[in-house]
Amino acid sequence: MTKFYLLTGDIGGTNSRISLYDPAIKEPLFVHFFRNAEHLPEKSLSDPNAFAQNILTPFLRDHCGSIFETGESIAINACLASAGLVQGNAVRLTNLGNLLIDGNAIASSTTNRYLESIVSCRIVNDFVAQGYGCLTLTQDEVIYLSGPYENLQHLPEGPKVCVGAGTGLGECYLTPSPSGYVCHPSEGGHVEYAPRSELQQKLWSFLCKKFQISRVSVERVVSGTGLVNVYEFLTNTFYDKIDMTLHKEFEKTDPDQRARVVATGAHNDSQLAKQAMQILMQAYGAEVGSSAIKWIPHGGLFVTGGLTPKNLSFVKGPDFMDAYRDKGRVSPLLEKIPLFAVLGEDLGIRGVHKVALQEYEQSKGRMPAKPETASRVPWMSYTLIGLLGAASGIFLSRTQFSKKILSFK
């Protein structure tokens, strides 16, 4: 008898979150966080099998070992999500020493009994995982912002779009198919930032000088790091308006935590911090509106990412919403697009689970053949070999007996 499981992975630059599920249960059976620096040392990053050997094998062996002791055959459908461009079901992690993770190689591996149990492995971009996660949303996990449908259950079938600001800015879109929605990747966060005022023109020039570039992507403004960029521009431009208490805290804080300081200041009405958040929201709303007119997502437009639920009052406010609707001659189109702010921050985790579950359901429990090794030759093969051997022996014995009879004639 074969027992089926789902394995999911959310792979970041610092940590990898690996989980194992029973297909019939939403909550994971086992979860473990691996510190990449500890399990993927620099000397191992050039090995294409490093992730499978140093993360997946220890997870299945040390944290899920009990499932391999039941005597049942184990089959695992896996889905791993990571930042980066996915090509040929593989991704290189530029934020982790250019480490290669190849889903096809993992699914065909016969290195050990744990990797042998993985019968399929899908690699998806981390924001594509968020897109699939949007398909799992319930009404109490969203805030209605605009459009004709307030209830998720009433959304018509049609394209869906997911735009989310966090550390960076991600975008993806989903299209319906006979087997369910399919999520497509996008690098929309890297389109040009379009200033909407004279002050924002100066911001654009500031960013060009800061990063020594001739173009500015919208992610440089609409993201956690973008909030820091805008705040730095304002403090350079309006030195006399700096809140010195906030600014001293900003300067002594680690760079990757400075967005939190600015956001806290914005919510406490610190002038330049609040203005930085307003400029970000204007650019955020404009980009979400641009996504709406590019893809016309009658099936729903979802504003996700960690920045959204933490700053919901600004997302619902005029800076975001006015910029969202300000699309000139096509502005009326936006009234036909259902727009929601997403409260949860676990869409990526839910998305990889959904993809792994789809892989399992589409396979209907079929186990793809792997190259046979000594450990994988099934008992039926040994039985067949034994039967053939016995038949050969009987045949030879009868032949020899017949020859003896003929010799007496």
Protein backbone atom coordinates (compact mmCIF):
# COMPACT_ATOMS: atom_id res chain seq x y z
CA MET A 1 0.00 0.00 0.00
CA THR A 2 1.25 3.50 -0.84
CA LYS A 3 0.84 6.44 1.53
CA PHE A 4 0.87 9.90 -0.08
CA TYR A 5 2.16 13.16 1.40
CA LEU A 6 2.74 16.76 0.33
CA LEU A 7 6.03 18.57 0.94
CA THR A 8 6.24 22.36 0.71
CA GLY A 9 9.12 24.78 0.97
CA ASP A 10 9.32 28.56 1.33
CA ILE A 11 12.96 29.33 0.55
CA GLY A 12 14.34 32.72 1.52
CA GLY A 13 17.79 34.19 1.59
CA THR A 14 18.13 33.56 5.33
CA ASN A 15 15.77 30.70 6.20
CA SER A 16 13.99 27.81 4.51
CA ARG A 17 10.60 26.75 5.90
CA ILE A 18 9.88 23.11 5.03
CA SER A 19 6.57 21.39 5.84
CA LEU A 20 4.98 17.98 5.35
CA TYR A 21 1.21 17.48 4.98
CA ASP A 22 -1.30 14.72 4.72
CA PRO A 23 -3.27 15.59 1.52
CA ALA A 24 -6.53 15.34 3.45
CA ILE A 25 -5.50 17.76 6.23
CA LYS A 26 -4.86 21.51 5.90
CA GLU A 27 -2.52 21.81 8.87
CA PRO A 28 1.04 20.46 8.45
CA LEU A 29 2.15 17.27 10.17
CA PHE A 30 5.74 18.49 10.49
CA VAL A 31 7.33 21.94 10.09
CA HIS A 32 10.95 22.95 10.44
CA PHE A 33 12.91 26.14 9.82
CA PHE A 34 16.44 25.70 8.50
CA ARG A 35 19.00 28.49 8.76
CA ASN A 36 20.55 28.47 5.31
CA ALA A 37 23.96 29.65 6.51
CA GLU A 38 24.16 26.62 8.80
CA HIS A 39 22.90 23.95 6.41
CA LEU A 40 24.08 25.43 3.12
CA PRO A 41 27.65 26.58 3.77
CA GLU A 42 29.31 28.61 1.05
CA LYS A 43 31.49 25.73 -0.12
CA SER A 44 28.37 23.65 -0.90
CA LEU A 45 26.53 26.24 -3.00
CA SER A 46 28.12 25.16 -6.29
CA ASP A 47 26.73 21.62 -5.83
CA PRO A 48 23.41 21.30 -7.74
CA ASN A 49 22.28 18.65 -5.24
CA ALA A 50 23.11 20.74 -2.17
CA PHE A 51 19.54 21.77 -1.30
CA ALA A 52 18.18 18.25 -1.65
CA GLN A 53 21.03 16.71 0.34
CA ASN A 54 21.40 19.37 3.05
CA ILE A 55 17.80 20.52 3.57
CA LEU A 56 15.26 18.02 2.21
CA THR A 57 17.06 14.84 3.30
CA PRO A 58 17.59 15.99 6.92
CA PHE A 59 13.99 17.20 7.09
CA LEU A 60 12.54 13.87 5.97
CA ARG A 61 15.05 11.81 7.94
CA ASP A 62 15.23 13.72 11.22
CA HIS A 63 11.82 15.38 11.46
CA CYS A 64 9.51 13.04 9.53
CA GLY A 65 11.33 9.75 10.07
CA SER A 66 8.32 8.07 11.66
CA ILE A 67 6.44 7.93 8.35
CA PHE A 68 9.20 5.79 6.87
CA GLU A 69 8.99 3.19 9.66
CA THR A 70 5.42 2.04 8.99
CA GLY A 71 6.33 -0.44 6.28
CA GLU A 72 4.18 1.42 3.75
CA SER A 73 5.50 2.72 0.46
CA ILE A 74 5.84 6.53 0.59
CA ALA A 75 5.10 8.94 -2.29
CA ILE A 76 5.56 12.70 -1.87
CA ASN A 77 4.39 15.52 -4.16
CA ALA A 78 6.50 18.60 -3.48
CA CYS A 79 6.36 22.31 -4.29
CA LEU A 80 9.17 24.74 -3.45
CA ALA A 81 8.89 28.53 -3.76
CA SER A 82 11.79 30.93 -4.04
CA ALA A 83 12.53 34.43 -5.26
CA GLY A 84 14.05 34.43 -8.73
CA LEU A 85 13.30 33.57 -12.33
CA VAL A 86 12.02 29.99 -12.70
CA GLN A 87 13.03 28.33 -15.97
CA GLY A 88 12.75 24.65 -16.82
CA ASN A 89 11.36 23.92 -13.34
CA ALA A 90 14.58 25.23 -11.80
CA VAL A 91 15.68 28.44 -10.11
CA ARG A 92 18.98 30.03 -9.14
CA LEU A 93 18.97 31.85 -5.81
CA THR A 94 20.99 34.99 -6.43
CA ASN A 95 20.60 35.91 -2.76
CA LEU A 96 22.11 32.55 -1.76
CA GLY A 97 25.33 32.22 -3.71
CA ASN A 98 23.59 31.46 -7.01
CA LEU A 99 22.47 28.10 -5.60
CA LEU A 100 20.59 25.96 -8.15
CA ILE A 101 17.39 24.19 -7.11
CA ASP A 102 16.20 21.83 -9.85
CA GLY A 103 12.77 20.31 -9.33
CA ASN A 104 13.18 17.67 -12.04
CA ALA A 105 16.48 16.52 -10.54
CA ILE A 106 14.91 16.28 -7.08
CA ALA A 107 11.94 14.28 -8.41
CA SER A 108 14.22 11.81 -10.22
CA SER A 109 16.78 11.45 -7.43
CA THR A 110 17.58 7.97 -6.13
CA THR A 111 20.37 9.13 -3.82
CA ASN A 112 18.67 7.86 -0.66
CA ARG A 113 15.34 6.46 0.48
CA TYR A 114 14.08 9.90 1.53
CA LEU A 115 14.68 11.61 -1.81
CA GLU A 116 13.45 8.50 -3.63
CA SER A 117 10.05 9.06 -2.00
CA ILE A 118 9.63 12.44 -3.79
CA VAL A 119 7.75 11.57 -6.98
CA SER A 120 7.17 15.14 -8.24
CA CYS A 121 8.70 18.51 -7.38
CA ARG A 122 7.35 21.79 -8.75
CA ILE A 123 9.45 24.97 -8.46
CA VAL A 124 7.55 28.28 -8.44
CA ASN A 125 8.49 31.91 -7.97
CA ASP A 126 7.69 33.14 -4.47
CA PHE A 127 5.15 35.66 -5.72
CA VAL A 128 3.51 33.08 -7.96
CA ALA A 129 3.00 31.16 -4.72
CA GLN A 130 1.24 34.24 -3.33
CA GLY A 131 -0.98 34.27 -6.40
CA TYR A 132 -2.05 30.68 -5.78
CA GLY A 133 -2.51 31.61 -2.13
CA CYS A 134 -5.09 34.22 -3.18
CA LEU A 135 -7.28 31.34 -4.35
CA THR A 136 -7.55 30.16 -0.73
CA LEU A 137 -8.78 33.46 0.73
CA THR A 138 -11.99 33.68 2.74
CA GLN A 139 -14.16 36.77 3.17
CA ASP A 140 -12.85 37.60 6.65
CA GLU A 141 -9.29 37.74 5.29
CA VAL A 142 -9.89 40.65 2.92
CA ILE A 143 -11.08 44.26 3.05
CA TYR A 144 -13.25 45.45 0.16
CA LEU A 145 -11.86 48.62 -1.42
CA SER A 146 -13.66 49.22 -4.72
CA GLY A 147 -15.60 47.69 -7.59
CA PRO A 148 -18.88 45.89 -8.21
CA TYR A 149 -18.44 42.81 -6.00
CA GLU A 150 -17.89 43.01 -2.25
CA ASN A 151 -18.16 39.27 -1.62
CA LEU A 152 -15.46 36.87 -2.83
CA GLN A 153 -18.07 34.20 -3.51
CA HIS A 154 -19.77 36.46 -6.06
CA LEU A 155 -16.65 37.10 -8.13
CA PRO A 156 -17.09 36.05 -11.77
CA GLU A 157 -14.66 33.71 -13.44
CA GLY A 158 -11.99 35.75 -15.15
CA PRO A 159 -8.41 36.93 -14.78
CA LYS A 160 -7.16 37.68 -11.28
CA VAL A 161 -4.23 39.90 -10.34
CA CYS A 162 -2.09 40.01 -7.22
CA VAL A 163 0.11 43.04 -6.43
CA GLY A 164 2.00 43.14 -3.15
CA ALA A 165 4.61 45.34 -1.51
CA GLY A 166 6.90 43.99 1.17
CA THR A 167 10.67 43.86 1.07
CA GLY A 168 10.20 44.34 -2.68
CA LEU A 169 7.22 44.72 -5.01
CA GLY A 170 5.71 41.62 -6.59
CA GLU A 171 3.06 41.16 -9.25
CA CYS A 172 1.42 38.14 -10.88
CA TYR A 173 -1.78 37.29 -12.71
CA LEU A 174 -4.00 34.21 -12.86
CA THR A 175 -6.12 32.86 -15.70
CA PRO A 176 -8.87 30.23 -15.54
CA SER A 177 -8.38 26.83 -17.15
CA PRO A 178 -10.35 23.55 -17.20
CA SER A 179 -8.23 22.27 -14.31
CA GLY A 180 -8.45 25.47 -12.25
CA TYR A 181 -6.64 28.79 -12.16
CA VAL A 182 -3.07 28.98 -13.48
CA CYS A 183 -0.77 31.65 -12.05
CA HIS A 184 1.74 33.39 -14.31
CA PRO A 185 4.88 35.21 -13.15
CA SER A 186 5.65 38.85 -13.78
CA GLU A 187 8.47 41.28 -13.07
CA GLY A 188 6.04 44.18 -12.94
CA GLY A 189 7.72 45.61 -9.86
CA HIS A 190 10.61 46.64 -12.08
CA VAL A 191 8.65 48.81 -14.51
CA GLU A 192 9.51 52.53 -14.56
CA TYR A 193 8.45 54.69 -11.67
CA ALA A 194 6.31 57.57 -12.99
CA PRO A 195 6.50 60.72 -10.81
CA ARG A 196 3.12 62.39 -10.28
CA SER A 197 4.22 65.81 -8.97
CA GLU A 198 7.12 68.24 -9.01
CA LEU A 199 8.29 66.89 -5.65
CA GLN A 200 8.23 63.34 -6.99
CA GLN A 201 10.27 64.50 -10.00
CA LYS A 202 12.91 65.58 -7.50
CA LEU A 203 12.59 62.20 -5.77
CA TRP A 204 13.24 60.50 -9.11
CA SER A 205 16.41 62.58 -9.60
CA PHE A 206 17.52 61.81 -6.02
CA LEU A 207 17.15 58.06 -6.61
CA CYS A 208 19.04 58.23 -9.92
CA LYS A 209 21.91 59.91 -8.13
CA LYS A 210 21.79 57.61 -5.08
CA PHE A 211 21.90 54.40 -7.11
CA GLN A 212 23.89 55.83 -10.06
CA ILE A 213 21.21 54.83 -12.55
CA SER A 214 19.36 56.47 -15.44
CA ARG A 215 15.96 54.87 -14.73
CA VAL A 216 14.05 54.20 -11.53
CA SER A 217 11.87 51.13 -11.02
CA VAL A 218 8.64 51.49 -9.09
CA GLU A 219 10.01 49.01 -6.51
CA ARG A 220 12.55 51.70 -5.47
CA VAL A 221 9.56 53.61 -4.08
CA VAL A 222 6.86 51.00 -3.41
CA SER A 223 8.40 48.58 -0.90
CA GLY A 224 9.89 48.55 2.57
CA THR A 225 13.22 49.69 1.17
CA GLY A 226 11.29 52.17 -0.97
CA LEU A 227 9.82 53.78 2.15
CA VAL A 228 13.36 54.24 3.46
CA ASN A 229 14.44 55.76 0.13
CA VAL A 230 11.59 58.27 0.18
CA TYR A 231 12.24 59.21 3.80
CA GLU A 232 15.94 59.78 3.08
CA PHE A 233 15.00 62.03 0.15
CA LEU A 234 12.67 64.10 2.32
CA THR A 235 15.20 64.51 5.13
CA ASN A 236 17.76 65.67 2.57
CA THR A 237 15.24 68.10 1.06
CA PHE A 238 13.51 69.45 4.19
CA TYR A 239 16.20 69.38 6.84
CA ASP A 240 14.38 71.93 9.00
CA LYS A 241 11.34 69.63 9.32
CA ILE A 242 13.21 66.56 10.61
CA ASP A 243 11.85 64.93 13.76
CA MET A 244 15.24 64.48 15.46
CA THR A 245 14.01 61.87 17.95
CA LEU A 246 12.69 59.69 15.14
CA HIS A 247 15.68 60.39 12.92
CA LYS A 248 18.21 59.37 15.58
CA GLU A 249 16.35 56.08 16.02
CA PHE A 250 16.30 55.66 12.23
CA GLU A 251 20.06 56.16 11.94
CA LYS A 252 20.98 53.73 14.72
CA THR A 253 18.64 51.00 13.43
CA ASP A 254 19.91 48.22 11.16
CA PRO A 255 19.20 49.11 7.50
CA ASP A 256 16.81 46.20 6.99
CA GLN A 257 14.67 47.40 9.94
CA ARG A 258 14.53 51.11 9.10
CA ALA A 259 11.24 50.85 7.21
CA ARG A 260 9.57 49.82 10.47
CA VAL A 261 10.88 53.00 12.15
CA VAL A 262 9.54 55.22 9.36
CA ALA A 263 6.17 53.42 9.30
CA THR A 264 5.80 53.82 13.07
CA GLY A 265 6.58 57.51 12.70
CA ALA A 266 3.99 57.81 9.93
CA HIS A 267 1.28 56.34 12.14
CA ASN A 268 2.32 58.73 14.92
CA ASP A 269 2.02 61.75 12.60
CA SER A 270 5.73 62.52 12.44
CA GLN A 271 5.69 64.97 9.53
CA LEU A 272 8.36 63.64 7.14
CA ALA A 273 7.68 59.99 7.97
CA LYS A 274 3.99 60.49 7.22
CA GLN A 275 4.80 62.36 4.02
CA ALA A 276 7.09 59.48 2.97
CA MET A 277 4.25 57.02 3.51
CA GLN A 278 1.85 59.23 1.54
CA ILE A 279 4.25 59.42 -1.42
CA LEU A 280 4.69 55.65 -1.31
CA MET A 281 0.92 55.13 -1.23
CA GLN A 282 0.41 57.43 -4.20
CA ALA A 283 2.90 55.38 -6.22
CA TYR A 284 1.43 52.12 -4.87
CA GLY A 285 -2.12 53.06 -5.83
CA ALA A 286 -0.99 54.21 -9.27
CA GLU A 287 0.80 50.91 -9.92
CA VAL A 288 -2.16 48.83 -8.72
CA GLY A 289 -4.37 50.89 -11.04
CA SER A 290 -1.96 50.30 -13.92
CA SER A 291 -2.16 46.56 -13.23
CA ALA A 292 -5.95 46.82 -13.39
CA ILE A 293 -5.98 48.42 -16.84
CA LYS A 294 -3.29 46.07 -18.17
CA TRP A 295 -4.93 42.80 -17.15
CA ILE A 296 -8.61 43.85 -16.57
CA PRO A 297 -9.01 41.35 -13.71
CA HIS A 298 -12.78 40.90 -13.48
CA GLY A 299 -12.04 37.91 -11.23
CA GLY A 300 -10.50 40.17 -8.59
CA LEU A 301 -7.51 42.42 -7.91
CA PHE A 302 -5.78 41.65 -4.61
CA VAL A 303 -3.38 44.00 -2.81
CA THR A 304 -1.12 41.75 -0.74
CA GLY A 305 2.32 41.83 0.85
CA GLY A 306 3.43 42.65 4.37
CA LEU A 307 3.14 46.40 3.83
CA THR A 308 -0.61 46.24 3.14
CA PRO A 309 -2.10 44.91 6.42
CA LYS A 310 0.40 46.87 8.53
CA ASN A 311 -0.63 50.15 6.88
CA LEU A 312 -4.26 49.47 6.08
CA SER A 313 -5.48 52.95 7.03
CA PHE A 314 -3.18 54.42 4.37
CA VAL A 315 -4.23 51.82 1.76
CA LYS A 316 -7.89 52.70 2.37
CA GLY A 317 -7.08 56.41 2.35
CA PRO A 318 -7.14 59.02 -0.44
CA ASP A 319 -3.45 58.86 -1.38
CA PHE A 320 -3.74 55.24 -2.50
CA MET A 321 -7.32 55.21 -3.76
CA ASP A 322 -7.23 58.50 -5.69
CA ALA A 323 -4.04 57.45 -7.47
CA TYR A 324 -5.60 54.05 -8.19
CA ARG A 325 -8.61 55.64 -9.91
CA ASP A 326 -6.71 58.40 -11.72
CA LYS A 327 -6.35 56.76 -15.14
CA GLY A 328 -7.65 59.48 -17.42
CA ARG A 329 -9.97 58.33 -20.18
CA VAL A 330 -10.05 54.72 -18.93
CA SER A 331 -10.79 55.63 -15.30
CA PRO A 332 -14.40 54.31 -15.57
CA LEU A 333 -12.96 50.83 -16.25
CA LEU A 334 -11.65 50.66 -12.68
CA GLU A 335 -15.18 50.81 -11.28
CA LYS A 336 -15.74 47.40 -12.88
CA ILE A 337 -12.72 45.79 -11.18
CA PRO A 338 -13.27 44.16 -7.75
CA LEU A 339 -10.43 45.47 -5.53
CA PHE A 340 -9.50 43.95 -2.17
CA ALA A 341 -6.78 44.48 0.44
CA VAL A 342 -5.52 41.19 1.86
CA LEU A 343 -5.01 40.98 5.62
CA GLY A 344 -3.00 37.76 5.84
CA GLU A 345 0.74 37.48 5.33
CA ASP A 346 0.92 33.70 4.82
CA LEU A 347 -0.29 33.53 1.21
CA GLY A 348 3.01 32.14 -0.05
CA ILE A 349 2.88 29.21 2.37
CA ARG A 350 -0.75 28.53 1.47
CA GLY A 351 0.09 28.85 -2.22
CA VAL A 352 2.83 26.20 -2.28
CA HIS A 353 0.51 23.87 -0.38
CA LYS A 354 -2.21 24.43 -2.99
CA VAL A 355 0.21 23.70 -5.85
CA ALA A 356 1.49 20.53 -4.18
CA LEU A 357 -2.11 19.42 -3.59
CA GLN A 358 -2.95 20.07 -7.26
CA GLU A 359 0.05 17.97 -8.30
CA TYR A 360 -1.22 15.15 -6.10
CA GLU A 361 -4.83 15.42 -7.32
CA GLN A 362 -3.83 15.58 -10.98
CA SER A 363 -1.65 12.51 -10.61
CA LYS A 364 -4.59 10.69 -8.96
CA GLY A 365 -2.13 8.80 -6.84
CA ARG A 366 -0.01 7.58 -9.74
CA MET A 367 3.67 7.20 -8.92
CA PRO A 368 5.97 8.30 -11.77
CA ALA A 369 8.65 5.73 -12.51
CA LYS A 370 12.15 6.49 -11.23
CA PRO A 371 15.39 4.86 -12.32
CA GLU A 372 15.54 1.56 -10.50
CA THR A 373 18.21 1.04 -7.85
CA ALA A 374 18.79 -1.97 -5.66
CA SER A 375 16.75 -0.34 -2.93
CA ARG A 376 13.81 0.31 -5.27
CA VAL A 377 13.41 -3.05 -7.06
CA PRO A 378 9.90 -4.07 -6.01
CA TRP A 379 9.19 -7.41 -4.36
CA MET A 380 7.06 -8.44 -7.35
CA SER A 381 10.16 -8.31 -9.52
CA TYR A 382 11.91 -10.77 -7.23
CA THR A 383 8.82 -12.99 -7.29
CA LEU A 384 8.71 -12.92 -11.09
CA ILE A 385 12.41 -13.77 -11.30
CA GLY A 386 11.85 -16.69 -8.94
CA LEU A 387 8.90 -18.00 -10.94
CA LEU A 388 10.84 -17.77 -14.20
CA GLY A 389 13.72 -19.62 -12.60
CA ALA A 390 11.44 -22.36 -11.36
CA ALA A 391 9.77 -22.68 -14.76
CA SER A 392 13.16 -22.95 -16.44
CA GLY A 393 14.19 -25.68 -14.03
CA ILE A 394 11.03 -27.68 -14.70
CA PHE A 395 11.50 -27.29 -18.46
CA LEU A 396 15.10 -28.49 -18.31
CA SER A 397 14.18 -31.42 -16.07
CA ARG A 398 11.43 -32.54 -18.46
CA THR A 399 13.75 -32.18 -21.44
CA GLN A 400 16.41 -34.32 -19.79
CA PHE A 401 13.76 -36.92 -18.81
CA SER A 402 12.50 -37.06 -22.41
CA LYS A 403 16.04 -37.61 -23.67
CA LYS A 404 16.47 -40.54 -21.27
CA ILE A 405 13.26 -42.17 -22.51
CA LEU A 406 14.36 -41.78 -26.12
CA SER A 407 17.69 -43.38 -25.32
CA PHE A 408 15.92 -46.61 -24.27
CA LYS A 409 14.10 -46.88 -27.57
